[in-house]
Amino acid sequence: MVAALLALAAVRAVADHSPNAPAVTGAAVLLLAVYAVGPTLPPVRTSTAAAALWLAVVMAVWTVLLALTPLGVWLAFPLFFVQLHLLPLRWGLPAVLATTLVAIGGFGRHTHVLTVGTVVGPALGAAVAVAVVLGYQALYRESEQRRRLIEELTAARSDLAAAEHAAGVLAERERLAREIHDTLAQGLSSIQLLLRAAERAIPQGQDTGTALGHVRQARQAAVDNLAEARRFVRALSPPDLEAGSLPAALERLCATTARASGMAVHCQVSGAPVELPTPHEVALLRIAQSALANTVRHAGADRAELTLSYMDTEVALDVVDDGAGFVPAEVPAPGSGTGAGTGFGLAAMRARARALQGTLAVESAPGEGTALAVTLPYPQPAAPPAPAPPPGPDAPPEQATA
């Protein structure tokens, strides 16, 4: 458009035999050269100040052209778009207004009269340019917002699918571990106890070597398979427990939390570690994860202490921080949606503790930090069956057979 309007102004000046036709042609060529070269310069493309300087040169040459010929007023319309494109809106609108006034004044200078058309034409062109640019910017912002929303939705769907898959895998691993522990492992343990009782019940010194050998082989097979079942259960435990014991998993959790949050997190173990069933280890690890997550998210603490205590009849986990604290009685009920939290974290921890006949206590006050303690009793071992007394020489045949 700029090139066509400049060519038209030069041709009209030559065709009308205007005395300043060479000057008009020179000004048109100079303006076209400045206008074309500017966008090729890297500073103009990257710096607002350089772009404003180039635009000032363009406007100066255009003012000269407008002073030479009234046809220069036609260039005002494309210049409106250039100004609004290059300059911020707070500068672009005054620039458009100034260009409109210069166009009206320059055209009136050549016609020696200001008519309604002389004023309305440039003003209407400026209004159209402003409306088009503002409308384009609004559509661009809406398009960018929609694009960001689509990207966030796509990412959220991917995260949700990954989380659901991980949750499903973890739930299935825990279910298999629980089933094997409660069925296969318990059955093998019972077989081992029964065979041990049978081994003791076989009279010594009699010709029972073959039977006793079979019993011992069966008991050894039960012991080996029980160990294999326990290894299988451990292999199906949560990933945090795969690489070692519960204390090691808690130490890794504290180290990871410290690195991620910048908070000082220390882990210590009290008492002699006891091998716990998988459900107990999973519950303690998950409660520790949830407690530290709450500390990082809500407490604003500088330090947290996690202590795992093995006692005579129970195991305890304590998580203490020096954060902002809260009023436990004011924690919202799960799903209420009030307050800073949702209330699901504490409810889930209490549910895990209750499922294993344990207790969970929370002590906190505003400005005094928070202390969380969960206690789980050790599972009661099944009492082995009392061995039957060996049959005497006078025992009836039925008892000896039994």
Protein backbone atom coordinates (compact mmCIF):
# COMPACT_ATOMS: atom_id res chain seq x y z
CA MET A 1 0.00 0.00 0.00
CA VAL A 2 2.80 2.46 0.86
CA ALA A 3 4.66 1.72 -2.38
CA ALA A 4 1.48 2.10 -4.47
CA LEU A 5 0.49 5.39 -2.81
CA LEU A 6 4.00 6.83 -3.21
CA ALA A 7 4.09 5.81 -6.89
CA LEU A 8 0.66 7.41 -7.42
CA ALA A 9 1.80 10.67 -5.81
CA ALA A 10 4.94 10.82 -7.98
CA VAL A 11 3.06 9.97 -11.22
CA ARG A 12 0.34 12.55 -10.52
CA ALA A 13 2.94 15.24 -9.84
CA VAL A 14 4.71 14.47 -13.13
CA ALA A 15 1.44 14.14 -15.11
CA ASP A 16 0.12 17.44 -13.78
CA HIS A 17 3.42 19.15 -14.77
CA SER A 18 3.77 20.39 -11.22
CA PRO A 19 6.75 22.73 -10.82
CA ASN A 20 7.93 20.73 -7.78
CA ALA A 21 7.48 17.36 -9.49
CA PRO A 22 11.20 16.46 -9.15
CA ALA A 23 11.06 17.30 -5.44
CA VAL A 24 7.90 15.21 -4.99
CA THR A 25 9.48 12.29 -6.84
CA GLY A 26 12.66 12.55 -4.78
CA ALA A 27 10.74 12.74 -1.50
CA ALA A 28 8.62 9.73 -2.54
CA VAL A 29 11.71 7.68 -3.43
CA LEU A 30 13.45 8.67 -0.20
CA LEU A 31 10.39 7.79 1.90
CA LEU A 32 10.07 4.41 0.14
CA ALA A 33 13.76 3.69 0.73
CA VAL A 34 13.63 4.59 4.43
CA TYR A 35 10.40 2.63 4.87
CA ALA A 36 11.78 -0.48 3.14
CA VAL A 37 15.23 -0.49 4.76
CA GLY A 38 14.04 0.00 8.35
CA PRO A 39 12.52 -3.48 8.97
CA THR A 40 15.68 -5.14 7.65
CA LEU A 41 17.83 -3.59 10.40
CA PRO A 42 18.19 -5.90 13.47
CA PRO A 43 17.93 -3.06 16.06
CA VAL A 44 14.60 -1.97 14.60
CA ARG A 45 13.26 -5.52 14.95
CA THR A 46 14.48 -6.02 18.52
CA SER A 47 14.53 -2.61 20.22
CA THR A 48 11.54 -0.36 20.85
CA ALA A 49 13.79 2.69 21.01
CA ALA A 50 15.39 1.92 17.63
CA ALA A 51 11.97 1.28 16.11
CA ALA A 52 10.70 4.59 17.46
CA LEU A 53 13.73 6.38 16.00
CA TRP A 54 13.16 4.81 12.59
CA LEU A 55 9.48 5.72 12.77
CA ALA A 56 10.41 9.34 13.58
CA VAL A 57 12.59 9.47 10.43
CA VAL A 58 9.72 8.06 8.36
CA MET A 59 7.32 10.64 9.79
CA ALA A 60 9.79 13.45 9.09
CA VAL A 61 10.19 12.46 5.42
CA TRP A 62 6.43 12.04 5.12
CA THR A 63 5.91 15.54 6.52
CA VAL A 64 8.23 16.87 3.81
CA LEU A 65 6.26 14.97 1.15
CA LEU A 66 2.98 16.31 2.56
CA ALA A 67 4.37 19.84 2.40
CA LEU A 68 5.21 19.32 -1.29
CA THR A 69 1.95 17.71 -2.43
CA PRO A 70 -1.53 17.25 -0.99
CA LEU A 71 -1.44 13.64 -2.21
CA GLY A 72 0.86 12.88 0.72
CA VAL A 73 -2.24 12.83 2.96
CA TRP A 74 -3.01 9.38 1.58
CA LEU A 75 0.06 7.97 3.38
CA ALA A 76 -1.43 8.82 6.78
CA PHE A 77 -3.70 5.74 6.79
CA PRO A 78 -0.96 3.04 6.51
CA LEU A 79 1.23 5.05 8.89
CA PHE A 80 -1.51 4.77 11.53
CA PHE A 81 -1.12 0.97 11.53
CA VAL A 82 2.68 1.21 11.69
CA GLN A 83 2.52 3.50 14.71
CA LEU A 84 0.03 1.32 16.57
CA HIS A 85 2.05 -1.80 15.75
CA LEU A 86 5.46 -0.52 16.83
CA LEU A 87 4.59 1.70 19.79
CA PRO A 88 2.91 0.84 23.09
CA LEU A 89 -0.72 1.90 23.22
CA ARG A 90 -0.01 4.84 25.55
CA TRP A 91 2.37 6.24 22.91
CA GLY A 92 0.65 4.92 19.81
CA LEU A 93 -2.65 6.76 20.35
CA PRO A 94 -0.99 10.20 20.79
CA ALA A 95 1.14 9.47 17.71
CA VAL A 96 -2.00 8.66 15.68
CA LEU A 97 -3.67 11.85 16.92
CA ALA A 98 -0.62 13.95 16.00
CA THR A 99 -0.42 12.34 12.54
CA THR A 100 -4.13 13.07 11.99
CA LEU A 101 -3.68 16.72 12.89
CA VAL A 102 -0.61 17.02 10.61
CA ALA A 103 -2.52 15.38 7.74
CA ILE A 104 -5.48 17.73 8.17
CA GLY A 105 -3.24 20.78 8.48
CA GLY A 106 -1.05 19.83 5.53
CA PHE A 107 -3.99 19.12 3.25
CA GLY A 108 -5.71 22.36 4.34
CA ARG A 109 -2.51 24.29 3.59
CA HIS A 110 -2.65 23.14 -0.03
CA THR A 111 -6.41 23.73 -0.45
CA HIS A 112 -6.41 26.95 1.61
CA VAL A 113 -9.72 25.87 3.14
CA LEU A 114 -10.84 23.33 5.71
CA THR A 115 -13.99 21.49 4.69
CA VAL A 116 -15.88 18.78 6.51
CA GLY A 117 -14.35 16.19 4.19
CA THR A 118 -10.88 17.50 4.85
CA VAL A 119 -11.32 16.95 8.60
CA VAL A 120 -13.52 13.83 8.60
CA GLY A 121 -11.41 11.87 6.12
CA PRO A 122 -8.18 11.59 8.13
CA ALA A 123 -10.10 11.42 11.42
CA LEU A 124 -12.25 8.55 10.15
CA GLY A 125 -9.15 6.75 8.86
CA ALA A 126 -7.50 7.11 12.26
CA ALA A 127 -10.62 5.79 14.03
CA VAL A 128 -10.79 2.76 11.70
CA ALA A 129 -7.10 2.01 12.22
CA VAL A 130 -7.42 2.22 16.02
CA ALA A 131 -10.53 0.02 16.02
CA VAL A 132 -8.90 -2.59 13.79
CA VAL A 133 -5.72 -2.75 15.86
CA LEU A 134 -7.55 -2.91 19.19
CA GLY A 135 -9.87 -5.60 17.85
CA TYR A 136 -6.93 -7.60 16.55
CA GLN A 137 -5.15 -7.33 19.90
CA ALA A 138 -8.26 -8.48 21.75
CA LEU A 139 -8.63 -11.48 19.42
CA TYR A 140 -4.92 -12.26 19.82
CA ARG A 141 -5.15 -12.18 23.63
CA GLU A 142 -8.21 -14.40 23.57
CA SER A 143 -6.49 -16.82 21.19
CA GLU A 144 -3.38 -16.94 23.39
CA GLN A 145 -5.49 -17.50 26.49
CA ARG A 146 -7.36 -20.31 24.77
CA ARG A 147 -4.09 -21.85 23.60
CA ARG A 148 -2.68 -21.77 27.14
CA LEU A 149 -5.88 -23.29 28.52
CA ILE A 150 -5.71 -26.09 25.95
CA GLU A 151 -2.06 -26.75 26.82
CA GLU A 152 -2.88 -26.78 30.55
CA LEU A 153 -5.83 -29.11 29.94
CA THR A 154 -3.68 -31.44 27.88
CA ALA A 155 -0.98 -31.46 30.54
CA ALA A 156 -3.56 -32.00 33.28
CA ARG A 157 -5.04 -34.94 31.37
CA SER A 158 -1.60 -36.47 30.93
CA ASP A 159 -0.78 -35.98 34.62
CA LEU A 160 -4.15 -37.41 35.65
CA ALA A 161 -3.71 -40.44 33.40
CA ALA A 162 -0.20 -41.02 34.74
CA ALA A 163 -1.39 -40.59 38.33
CA GLU A 164 -4.30 -42.98 37.81
CA HIS A 165 -1.99 -45.52 36.19
CA ALA A 166 0.54 -45.24 39.02
CA ALA A 167 -2.23 -45.46 41.61
CA GLY A 168 -3.66 -48.53 39.90
CA VAL A 169 -0.26 -50.21 39.72
CA LEU A 170 0.46 -49.40 43.37
CA ALA A 171 -2.97 -50.60 44.50
CA GLU A 172 -2.55 -53.86 42.62
CA ARG A 173 0.94 -54.37 44.06
CA GLU A 174 -0.34 -53.77 47.56
CA ARG A 175 -3.33 -56.04 46.98
CA LEU A 176 -1.14 -58.89 45.72
CA ALA A 177 1.33 -58.41 48.56
CA ARG A 178 -1.51 -58.46 51.08
CA GLU A 179 -3.12 -61.53 49.52
CA ILE A 180 0.15 -63.46 49.41
CA HIS A 181 1.03 -62.43 52.94
CA ASP A 182 -2.38 -63.39 54.30
CA THR A 183 -2.78 -66.66 52.39
CA LEU A 184 0.32 -68.27 50.92
CA ALA A 185 2.81 -67.09 53.51
CA GLN A 186 0.51 -67.87 56.43
CA GLY A 187 -0.27 -71.29 54.98
CA LEU A 188 3.41 -72.14 54.54
CA SER A 189 4.10 -70.96 58.08
CA SER A 190 1.35 -73.23 59.41
CA ILE A 191 2.73 -76.16 57.39
CA GLN A 192 6.16 -75.56 58.85
CA LEU A 193 4.81 -75.53 62.41
CA LEU A 194 2.75 -78.64 61.87
CA LEU A 195 5.67 -80.52 60.34
CA ARG A 196 7.91 -79.45 63.19
CA ALA A 197 5.33 -80.79 65.64
CA ALA A 198 5.09 -84.02 63.66
CA GLU A 199 8.86 -84.31 63.63
CA ARG A 200 8.94 -84.06 67.42
CA ALA A 201 6.04 -86.47 67.75
CA ILE A 202 7.74 -89.28 65.84
CA PRO A 203 9.25 -91.66 68.40
CA GLN A 204 13.02 -91.57 68.47
CA GLY A 205 15.00 -94.76 68.18
CA GLN A 206 12.34 -96.65 66.23
CA ASP A 207 12.55 -97.66 62.60
CA THR A 208 11.09 -94.36 61.45
CA GLY A 209 14.12 -92.93 59.69
CA THR A 210 12.45 -92.86 56.27
CA ALA A 211 9.31 -91.12 57.56
CA LEU A 212 11.35 -88.70 59.64
CA GLY A 213 13.50 -87.90 56.60
CA HIS A 214 10.41 -87.13 54.53
CA VAL A 215 9.04 -84.91 57.29
CA ARG A 216 12.30 -83.02 57.55
CA GLN A 217 12.45 -82.58 53.78
CA ALA A 218 8.87 -81.32 53.74
CA ARG A 219 9.58 -78.91 56.59
CA GLN A 220 12.70 -77.61 54.82
CA ALA A 221 10.71 -77.13 51.61
CA ALA A 222 8.09 -75.20 53.59
CA VAL A 223 10.82 -73.03 55.14
CA ASP A 224 12.36 -72.31 51.71
CA ASN A 225 9.00 -71.49 50.14
CA LEU A 226 8.05 -69.29 53.09
CA ALA A 227 11.25 -67.28 52.63
CA GLU A 228 10.53 -67.02 48.90
CA ALA A 229 6.97 -65.85 49.59
CA ARG A 230 8.25 -63.19 51.97
CA ARG A 231 10.74 -61.98 49.36
CA PHE A 232 7.90 -61.84 46.87
CA VAL A 233 5.79 -59.81 49.29
CA ARG A 234 8.67 -57.39 49.81
CA ALA A 235 9.12 -57.11 46.04
CA LEU A 236 5.47 -56.10 45.71
CA SER A 237 5.73 -53.50 48.44
CA PRO A 238 5.56 -49.78 47.51
CA PRO A 239 8.56 -48.58 45.49
CA ASP A 240 9.88 -46.53 48.43
CA LEU A 241 10.31 -49.77 50.41
CA GLU A 242 11.86 -51.80 47.60
CA ALA A 243 15.43 -50.64 48.19
CA GLY A 244 15.56 -51.52 51.87
CA SER A 245 13.91 -51.29 55.24
CA LEU A 246 11.39 -48.78 56.55
CA PRO A 247 14.07 -46.67 58.31
CA ALA A 248 16.02 -46.42 55.05
CA ALA A 249 12.87 -45.40 53.17
CA LEU A 250 12.14 -42.71 55.77
CA GLU A 251 15.70 -41.38 55.55
CA ARG A 252 15.38 -41.13 51.77
CA LEU A 253 12.04 -39.35 52.20
CA CYS A 254 13.57 -36.79 54.58
CA ALA A 255 16.53 -36.19 52.26
CA THR A 256 14.24 -35.75 49.24
CA THR A 257 11.96 -33.36 51.13
CA ALA A 258 14.92 -31.31 52.34
CA ARG A 259 16.32 -30.98 48.81
CA ALA A 260 12.97 -30.05 47.31
CA SER A 261 11.86 -27.52 49.95
CA GLY A 262 15.10 -26.13 51.37
CA MET A 263 13.85 -26.98 54.85
CA ALA A 264 16.08 -28.82 57.33
CA VAL A 265 14.59 -32.30 57.75
CA HIS A 266 16.20 -34.84 60.06
CA CYS A 267 15.34 -38.51 60.56
CA GLN A 268 16.30 -40.65 63.52
CA VAL A 269 15.46 -44.17 64.67
CA SER A 270 15.01 -45.10 68.32
CA GLY A 271 15.17 -48.65 69.59
CA ALA A 272 16.10 -51.89 67.89
CA PRO A 273 14.41 -52.14 64.46
CA VAL A 274 11.78 -54.87 64.22
CA GLU A 275 10.64 -56.46 60.98
CA LEU A 276 7.11 -55.21 60.46
CA PRO A 277 4.40 -56.59 58.20
CA THR A 278 4.08 -54.86 54.87
CA PRO A 279 0.77 -53.08 55.76
CA HIS A 280 2.44 -51.52 58.83
CA GLU A 281 5.45 -50.30 56.85
CA VAL A 282 3.23 -48.94 54.06
CA ALA A 283 0.99 -47.10 56.53
CA LEU A 284 3.92 -45.52 58.39
CA LEU A 285 5.64 -44.45 55.17
CA ARG A 286 2.47 -42.95 53.71
CA ILE A 287 1.69 -41.09 56.95
CA ALA A 288 5.24 -39.69 57.00
CA GLN A 289 4.92 -38.58 53.38
CA SER A 290 1.59 -36.85 54.06
CA ALA A 291 2.83 -35.18 57.25
CA LEU A 292 5.96 -33.78 55.59
CA ALA A 293 3.93 -32.66 52.59
CA ASN A 294 1.59 -30.74 54.90
CA THR A 295 4.60 -29.20 56.66
CA VAL A 296 6.10 -27.99 53.37
CA ARG A 297 2.78 -26.79 51.97
CA HIS A 298 1.17 -25.10 54.97
CA ALA A 299 3.56 -24.70 57.92
CA GLY A 300 6.26 -22.46 56.50
CA ALA A 301 8.68 -24.26 58.81
CA ASP A 302 12.47 -24.00 58.86
CA ARG A 303 13.06 -27.37 60.51
CA ALA A 304 11.29 -30.70 60.87
CA GLU A 305 12.18 -33.79 62.91
CA LEU A 306 10.97 -37.29 62.05
CA THR A 307 11.47 -40.03 64.66
CA LEU A 308 10.69 -43.73 64.26
CA SER A 309 10.58 -45.50 67.64
CA TYR A 310 10.56 -49.28 68.09
CA MET A 311 9.14 -50.12 71.52
CA ASP A 312 8.24 -53.32 73.34
CA THR A 313 4.70 -53.71 72.03
CA GLU A 314 4.27 -50.99 69.45
CA VAL A 315 6.00 -48.80 66.89
CA ALA A 316 5.60 -45.02 66.89
CA LEU A 317 6.25 -42.32 64.30
CA ASP A 318 6.59 -38.67 65.37
CA VAL A 319 6.82 -35.68 63.00
CA VAL A 320 7.54 -32.32 64.65
CA ASP A 321 8.07 -28.95 62.95
CA ASP A 322 8.66 -25.34 64.06
CA GLY A 323 6.18 -23.86 61.60
CA ALA A 324 3.20 -21.54 61.91
CA GLY A 325 0.99 -24.13 63.60
CA PHE A 326 -2.81 -24.23 63.56
CA VAL A 327 -5.82 -25.05 65.70
CA PRO A 328 -6.57 -28.78 65.19
CA ALA A 329 -10.22 -28.29 66.13
CA GLU A 330 -10.63 -25.82 63.25
CA VAL A 331 -9.38 -28.16 60.53
CA PRO A 332 -12.16 -28.36 57.94
CA ALA A 333 -13.98 -31.61 57.39
CA PRO A 334 -12.93 -33.47 54.22
CA GLY A 335 -14.67 -32.05 51.19
CA SER A 336 -15.93 -28.88 52.91
CA GLY A 337 -13.62 -26.71 50.78
CA THR A 338 -13.11 -24.09 53.50
CA GLY A 339 -9.84 -22.78 54.89
CA ALA A 340 -6.36 -23.19 53.53
CA GLY A 341 -6.52 -26.97 53.37
CA THR A 342 -9.07 -29.59 52.42
CA GLY A 343 -8.90 -31.74 55.57
CA PHE A 344 -8.28 -34.92 53.56
CA GLY A 345 -4.66 -35.30 54.71
CA LEU A 346 -5.35 -35.72 58.42
CA ALA A 347 -8.46 -37.79 57.74
CA ALA A 348 -6.49 -40.18 55.51
CA MET A 349 -3.72 -40.52 58.12
CA ARG A 350 -6.26 -41.30 60.87
CA ALA A 351 -7.95 -43.86 58.62
CA ARG A 352 -4.63 -45.62 57.97
CA ALA A 353 -3.87 -45.74 61.69
CA ARG A 354 -7.34 -47.03 62.62
CA ALA A 355 -7.15 -49.74 59.95
CA LEU A 356 -4.20 -51.25 61.87
CA GLN A 357 -5.71 -50.69 65.36
CA GLY A 358 -3.43 -47.70 65.87
CA THR A 359 -3.93 -44.12 67.00
CA LEU A 360 -2.97 -40.74 65.62
CA ALA A 361 -2.63 -37.58 67.68
CA VAL A 362 -1.96 -33.99 66.58
CA GLU A 363 -0.79 -31.21 68.87
CA SER A 364 -0.48 -27.69 67.51
CA ALA A 365 -1.16 -24.05 68.24
CA PRO A 366 -0.71 -20.89 66.15
CA GLY A 367 2.93 -19.86 66.18
CA GLU A 368 4.07 -22.92 68.16
CA GLY A 369 4.65 -25.50 65.45
CA THR A 370 2.99 -28.89 65.05
CA ALA A 371 3.62 -32.34 66.50
CA LEU A 372 2.05 -35.42 64.93
CA ALA A 373 2.34 -38.86 66.53
CA VAL A 374 1.05 -42.18 65.19
CA THR A 375 1.29 -45.43 67.15
CA LEU A 376 0.72 -48.90 65.73
CA PRO A 377 0.70 -52.05 67.88
CA TYR A 378 2.77 -54.98 66.75
CA PRO A 379 0.65 -57.75 65.19
CA GLN A 380 0.03 -60.66 67.51
CA PRO A 381 1.75 -63.84 66.23
CA ALA A 382 -0.39 -66.89 65.83
CA ALA A 383 0.15 -69.37 68.63
CA PRO A 384 1.63 -72.64 67.35
CA PRO A 385 -0.51 -75.76 67.96
CA ALA A 386 0.54 -77.78 70.98
CA PRO A 387 2.38 -80.94 69.93
CA ALA A 388 0.46 -84.17 70.54
CA PRO A 389 2.07 -86.55 73.06
CA PRO A 390 3.71 -89.54 71.46
CA PRO A 391 1.52 -92.66 71.62
CA GLY A 392 2.57 -95.15 74.28
CA PRO A 393 3.06 -98.83 73.74
CA ASP A 394 -0.38 -99.56 75.23
CA ALA A 395 -2.20 -96.99 73.13
CA PRO A 396 -5.09 -98.29 71.05
CA PRO A 397 -4.49 -98.76 67.33
CA GLU A 398 -6.78 -95.79 66.45
CA GLN A 399 -4.59 -93.35 68.51
CA ALA A 400 -1.40 -94.74 67.03
CA THR A 401 -2.84 -94.36 63.55
CA ALA A 402 -3.94 -90.82 64.26
